[in-house]
């Protein structure tokens, strides 16, 4: 079934956008003479289950229609399989698609699925769980949890910004010990974000130099400072300019050990993964994914 796309759709992603996108993509694929079969999730865990169903049916191409959380779930069922992954970005964040240059418009999506090139990207791993974009702890985990639980209105960058404003006041910087290729850091932090790609939180460039096939992860540390300083750095993070601050440190590493005085949640791809202590590592070339062909130095 090499010329068939199995499309796993989370119909609730993007307030229903995923369902509309998948319908249009299937219609266009068929116009191109490409078979497509849609598998719809109905509850958490369905993405992984349906990925295994597709693999059992001989799928060689599996597309994911939803946001980064849906991608996270499906990818964890695909690691190690001989399959090419496609992305139909239609969630709140779409940070993996943004990092890989996958378009959001339907015709661009179909062009990528049909005529794109296969790129082998790295994944991060925490225990038995894999992630595509960023794993984080500290303030951004509290913010991610607030967005994840729908405790702020709206979606995308606006939801993340409102969550930052809601969570910053009561937040207390945890004491952590981090060990990686860069050596050891011990102290209180606002944020420790480990990126396989540059973006999280709907386009925040928390680790702007992170590249998905570099063979390493990039760690962004925001040290304890005033909350007014944090707000200023948050505004700069949309363009990645926060890394120039004296309160921010960026390091490259293949592994990262995290220990904290009290258990802290780690979120990855916007999803709760585990609590500290934990070890994060890069898994090189772990996923084959369809991306647009680069033309004239750009995507």
Protein backbone atom coordinates (compact mmCIF):
# COMPACT_ATOMS: atom_id res chain seq x y z
CA UNK A 1 0.00 0.00 0.00
CA UNK A 2 2.82 2.34 -0.91
CA UNK A 3 0.59 4.82 -2.76
CA UNK A 4 -2.03 5.06 0.00
CA UNK A 5 -2.04 7.57 2.83
CA UNK A 6 -3.65 6.48 6.08
CA UNK A 7 -4.75 9.74 7.71
CA UNK A 8 -5.27 9.73 11.48
CA UNK A 9 -7.57 12.62 12.36
CA UNK A 10 -8.24 14.18 15.75
CA UNK A 11 -11.59 15.84 14.94
CA UNK A 12 -11.45 18.13 17.99
CA UNK A 13 -8.09 19.70 17.05
CA UNK A 14 -8.20 23.37 16.20
CA UNK A 15 -11.84 23.65 17.26
CA UNK A 16 -12.91 21.29 14.49
CA UNK A 17 -10.47 22.53 11.85
CA UNK A 18 -8.76 19.14 11.63
CA UNK A 19 -11.94 17.44 10.43
CA UNK A 20 -12.46 20.04 7.68
CA UNK A 21 -8.81 19.92 6.61
CA UNK A 22 -8.78 16.13 6.38
CA UNK A 23 -11.89 16.11 4.17
CA UNK A 24 -10.38 18.59 1.73
CA UNK A 25 -7.01 16.81 1.71
CA UNK A 26 -8.62 13.46 0.92
CA UNK A 27 -10.58 15.00 -1.97
CA UNK A 28 -7.44 16.59 -3.44
CA UNK A 29 -5.36 13.44 -3.00
CA UNK A 30 -7.93 11.49 -4.96
CA UNK A 31 -7.80 14.11 -7.71
CA UNK A 32 -4.07 13.36 -7.86
CA UNK A 33 -4.85 9.64 -8.12
CA UNK A 34 -3.59 8.92 -4.60
CA UNK A 35 -5.58 6.64 -2.31
CA UNK A 36 -6.42 7.84 1.19
CA UNK A 37 -8.12 6.24 4.16
CA UNK A 38 -9.23 8.23 7.19
CA UNK A 39 -9.04 6.89 10.75
CA UNK A 40 -10.76 9.11 13.34
CA UNK A 41 -9.82 9.34 17.01
CA UNK A 42 -12.52 9.55 19.66
CA UNK A 43 -10.54 9.65 22.91
CA UNK A 44 -7.01 10.02 24.28
CA UNK A 45 -4.96 7.00 23.29
CA UNK A 46 -6.82 6.47 20.03
CA UNK A 47 -4.03 8.04 17.99
CA UNK A 48 -1.52 5.41 19.08
CA UNK A 49 -4.09 2.62 18.71
CA UNK A 50 -5.05 3.68 15.18
CA UNK A 51 -1.39 3.99 14.20
CA UNK A 52 -0.92 0.34 15.15
CA UNK A 53 -4.07 -0.57 13.20
CA UNK A 54 -2.66 1.14 10.11
CA UNK A 55 0.69 -0.60 10.51
CA UNK A 56 -1.04 -3.97 10.88
CA UNK A 57 -2.80 -3.26 7.59
CA UNK A 58 0.51 -2.69 5.83
CA UNK A 59 0.63 1.11 5.89
CA UNK A 60 3.81 2.66 4.52
CA UNK A 61 2.56 6.27 4.72
CA UNK A 62 0.70 7.62 7.76
CA UNK A 63 -0.39 11.25 7.98
CA UNK A 64 -1.43 12.96 11.20
CA UNK A 65 -4.17 15.58 11.12
CA UNK A 66 -4.23 17.56 14.34
CA UNK A 67 -1.89 19.47 16.60
CA UNK A 68 1.41 18.71 18.29
CA UNK A 69 -0.33 16.63 20.97
CA UNK A 70 -1.89 14.36 18.36
CA UNK A 71 1.46 14.07 16.58
CA UNK A 72 3.12 13.20 19.90
CA UNK A 73 0.69 10.37 20.54
CA UNK A 74 0.89 8.87 17.04
CA UNK A 75 4.65 9.20 16.67
CA UNK A 76 5.19 7.25 19.89
CA UNK A 77 3.50 4.30 18.18
CA UNK A 78 5.53 4.67 14.97
CA UNK A 79 9.14 4.84 16.18
CA UNK A 80 11.05 1.93 14.65
CA UNK A 81 8.45 1.26 11.96
CA UNK A 82 9.27 1.42 8.25
CA UNK A 83 6.84 4.22 7.58
CA UNK A 84 6.85 7.78 6.21
CA UNK A 85 4.95 10.34 8.28
CA UNK A 86 2.97 13.25 6.89
CA UNK A 87 1.63 16.26 8.81
CA UNK A 88 -1.70 18.02 8.28
CA UNK A 89 -1.20 20.90 10.75
CA UNK A 90 -4.56 21.86 12.22
CA UNK A 91 -4.14 22.18 15.97
CA UNK A 92 -3.53 25.02 18.42
CA UNK A 93 0.24 25.11 18.17
CA UNK A 94 1.50 23.32 15.04
CA UNK A 95 5.07 23.86 16.21
CA UNK A 96 6.57 20.79 14.52
CA UNK A 97 5.03 21.78 11.18
CA UNK A 98 6.33 25.32 11.69
CA UNK A 99 9.85 24.04 12.37
CA UNK A 100 9.85 21.79 9.30
CA UNK A 101 8.23 24.31 6.97
CA UNK A 102 5.09 22.25 6.36
CA UNK A 103 2.36 24.60 5.07
CA UNK A 104 -1.05 24.97 6.71
CA UNK A 105 -3.07 25.54 3.54
CA UNK A 106 -4.71 22.44 2.08
CA UNK A 107 -3.10 22.64 -1.36
CA UNK A 108 0.33 23.10 0.20
CA UNK A 109 -0.27 20.11 2.45
CA UNK A 110 -1.27 17.89 -0.49
CA UNK A 111 1.67 19.10 -2.59
CA UNK A 112 3.96 18.10 0.28
CA UNK A 113 2.37 14.67 0.71
CA UNK A 114 2.57 13.90 -3.02
CA UNK A 115 5.73 15.64 -4.18
CA UNK A 116 7.64 16.43 -0.99
CA UNK A 117 10.92 14.93 0.08
CA UNK A 118 11.55 12.56 2.98
CA UNK A 119 13.61 14.04 5.80
CA UNK A 120 14.96 11.92 8.63
CA UNK A 121 14.65 13.87 11.84
CA UNK A 122 15.84 13.26 15.38
CA UNK A 123 13.52 12.75 18.30
CA UNK A 124 13.99 13.40 21.98
CA UNK A 125 13.33 10.61 24.47
CA UNK A 126 12.36 10.71 28.14
CA UNK A 127 12.22 7.20 29.54
CA UNK A 128 10.04 5.28 27.08
CA UNK A 129 8.35 8.40 25.63
CA UNK A 130 9.52 10.23 22.52
CA UNK A 131 8.95 13.88 21.65
CA UNK A 132 9.33 15.91 18.47
CA UNK A 133 9.68 19.53 19.57
CA UNK A 134 10.49 20.73 23.10
CA UNK A 135 10.51 19.19 26.58
CA UNK A 136 10.32 21.70 29.39
CA UNK A 137 9.97 22.24 33.11
CA UNK A 138 9.49 25.27 35.31
CA UNK A 139 7.18 28.17 34.51
CA UNK A 140 6.51 26.97 30.98
CA UNK A 141 5.33 23.59 32.32
CA UNK A 142 2.83 25.34 34.59
CA UNK A 143 1.75 27.41 31.59
CA UNK A 144 1.52 24.33 29.34
CA UNK A 145 -0.58 22.55 31.98
CA UNK A 146 -2.93 25.54 32.14
CA UNK A 147 -3.38 25.49 28.35
CA UNK A 148 -3.61 21.69 28.26
CA UNK A 149 -6.45 21.76 30.79
CA UNK A 150 -8.24 24.53 28.84
CA UNK A 151 -8.14 26.90 31.83
CA UNK A 152 -7.65 29.92 29.56
CA UNK A 153 -9.85 31.00 26.65
CA UNK A 154 -8.81 31.23 23.01
CA UNK A 155 -6.08 29.14 21.38
CA UNK A 156 -2.58 29.42 19.92
CA UNK A 157 -0.26 32.26 20.95
CA UNK A 158 -3.04 34.20 22.68
CA UNK A 159 -3.88 31.26 24.95
CA UNK A 160 -0.21 30.80 25.82
CA UNK A 161 0.26 34.53 26.53
CA UNK A 162 -2.79 34.62 28.79
CA UNK A 163 -1.52 31.53 30.62
CA UNK A 164 1.86 33.20 31.22
CA UNK A 165 0.14 36.25 32.73
CA UNK A 166 -2.07 34.00 34.87
CA UNK A 167 0.75 31.77 36.16
CA UNK A 168 3.70 34.15 36.56
CA UNK A 169 2.52 35.92 39.74
CA UNK A 170 2.30 32.90 42.08
CA UNK A 171 5.17 30.96 40.48
CA UNK A 172 8.12 30.04 42.70
CA UNK A 173 11.41 29.14 40.99
CA UNK A 174 12.39 25.52 41.70
CA UNK A 175 15.91 24.41 42.58
CA UNK A 176 17.28 21.95 40.00
CA UNK A 177 20.48 20.11 39.19
CA UNK A 178 21.14 19.60 35.48
CA UNK A 179 23.97 17.50 34.04
CA UNK A 180 24.76 17.30 30.33
CA UNK A 181 27.56 17.50 27.80
CA UNK A 182 28.09 21.12 28.92
CA UNK A 183 28.86 20.06 32.52
CA UNK A 184 26.70 20.72 35.57
CA UNK A 185 24.28 23.48 36.54
CA UNK A 186 22.76 23.79 40.00
CA UNK A 187 20.42 26.55 41.07
CA UNK A 188 16.97 28.11 40.84
CA UNK A 189 15.40 28.62 37.43
CA UNK A 190 12.28 29.96 35.78
CA UNK A 191 12.57 27.72 32.72
CA UNK A 192 14.60 24.77 31.48
CA UNK A 193 13.52 23.95 27.92
CA UNK A 194 15.20 21.18 25.93
CA UNK A 195 14.57 21.53 22.22
CA UNK A 196 14.79 19.16 19.30
CA UNK A 197 13.26 22.00 17.28
CA UNK A 198 13.11 25.73 17.88
CA UNK A 199 9.45 26.28 18.67
CA UNK A 200 6.87 25.69 21.36
CA UNK A 201 3.79 27.50 22.63
CA UNK A 202 2.48 28.30 19.12
CA UNK A 203 5.58 29.87 17.65
CA UNK A 204 7.75 30.90 20.59
CA UNK A 205 11.38 30.40 19.52
CA UNK A 206 12.59 29.16 22.88
CA UNK A 207 15.72 27.56 21.36
CA UNK A 208 16.04 29.40 18.03
CA UNK A 209 19.15 27.53 16.87
CA UNK A 210 17.70 24.03 17.43
CA UNK A 211 17.46 21.92 14.25
CA UNK A 212 15.59 18.63 14.05
CA UNK A 213 18.39 16.66 12.40
CA UNK A 214 21.42 18.11 14.19
CA UNK A 215 22.14 14.99 16.27
CA UNK A 216 21.86 16.90 19.55
CA UNK A 217 19.35 18.80 21.67
CA UNK A 218 19.57 22.42 22.77
CA UNK A 219 18.90 23.52 26.32
CA UNK A 220 17.59 27.00 27.15
CA UNK A 221 17.91 28.01 30.79
CA UNK A 222 16.22 31.09 32.20
CA UNK A 223 17.73 31.81 35.60
CA UNK A 224 15.87 33.20 38.59
CA UNK A 225 15.38 36.94 38.11
CA UNK A 226 12.60 39.50 38.55
CA UNK A 227 9.20 38.69 37.13
CA UNK A 228 9.25 41.98 35.19
CA UNK A 229 12.42 40.76 33.49
CA UNK A 230 10.71 37.48 32.66
CA UNK A 231 7.82 39.32 31.00
CA UNK A 232 10.27 41.28 28.87
CA UNK A 233 12.11 38.12 27.88
CA UNK A 234 8.83 36.38 27.07
CA UNK A 235 8.00 39.15 24.59
CA UNK A 236 11.42 38.74 22.98
CA UNK A 237 11.11 34.94 22.79
CA UNK A 238 8.67 35.12 19.86
CA UNK A 239 11.62 36.26 17.74
CA UNK A 240 14.29 34.32 19.67
CA UNK A 241 16.01 37.50 20.92
CA UNK A 242 15.72 36.44 24.57
CA UNK A 243 18.87 34.31 24.17
CA UNK A 244 20.99 37.50 24.16
CA UNK A 245 20.04 38.22 27.77
CA UNK A 246 22.46 37.77 30.67
CA UNK A 247 19.68 35.81 32.40
CA UNK A 248 19.54 33.18 29.66
CA UNK A 249 21.99 30.40 28.84
CA UNK A 250 21.82 28.07 25.83
CA UNK A 251 23.78 24.81 25.63
CA UNK A 252 24.02 21.87 23.23
CA UNK A 253 23.81 18.36 24.66
CA UNK A 254 22.97 14.80 23.66
CA UNK A 255 21.75 13.87 27.13
CA UNK A 256 20.36 15.82 30.06
CA UNK A 257 19.90 14.52 33.60
CA UNK A 258 17.38 16.46 35.71
CA UNK A 259 17.05 16.28 39.49
CA UNK A 260 14.94 18.63 41.61
CA UNK A 261 14.31 19.12 45.32
CA UNK A 262 10.62 18.36 44.77
CA UNK A 263 9.04 16.38 41.91
CA UNK A 264 8.39 18.64 38.91
CA UNK A 265 6.29 17.85 35.88
CA UNK A 266 7.97 17.72 32.48
CA UNK A 267 5.81 18.52 29.46
CA UNK A 268 6.89 17.56 25.94
CA UNK A 269 5.07 18.56 22.74
CA UNK A 270 2.61 20.28 25.07
CA UNK A 271 1.74 16.96 26.78
CA UNK A 272 2.48 15.80 30.35
CA UNK A 273 5.17 13.12 30.16
CA UNK A 274 6.68 12.44 33.59
CA UNK A 275 7.99 13.96 36.80
CA UNK A 276 11.57 14.52 37.86
CA UNK A 277 14.05 12.95 38.32
CA UNK A 278 14.38 12.24 34.62
CA UNK A 279 16.88 11.85 31.80
CA UNK A 280 16.36 13.31 28.33
CA UNK A 281 18.35 12.11 25.34
CA UNK A 282 18.44 12.60 21.60
CA UNK A 283 17.59 9.71 19.26
CA UNK A 284 19.19 10.57 15.91
CA UNK A 285 17.32 10.00 12.63
CA UNK A 286 14.43 8.29 14.40
CA UNK A 287 11.56 9.45 12.16
CA UNK A 288 11.06 9.73 8.40
CA UNK A 289 8.80 12.64 7.60
CA UNK A 290 7.51 14.28 4.40
CA UNK A 291 8.52 17.93 4.08
CA UNK A 292 8.39 20.46 1.22
CA UNK A 293 11.26 20.49 -1.24
CA UNK A 294 13.62 23.39 -0.57
CA UNK A 295 13.77 25.78 -3.54
CA UNK A 296 16.06 28.77 -4.02
CA UNK A 297 17.40 28.61 -0.50
CA UNK A 298 13.95 28.53 1.12
CA UNK A 299 11.04 26.24 1.70
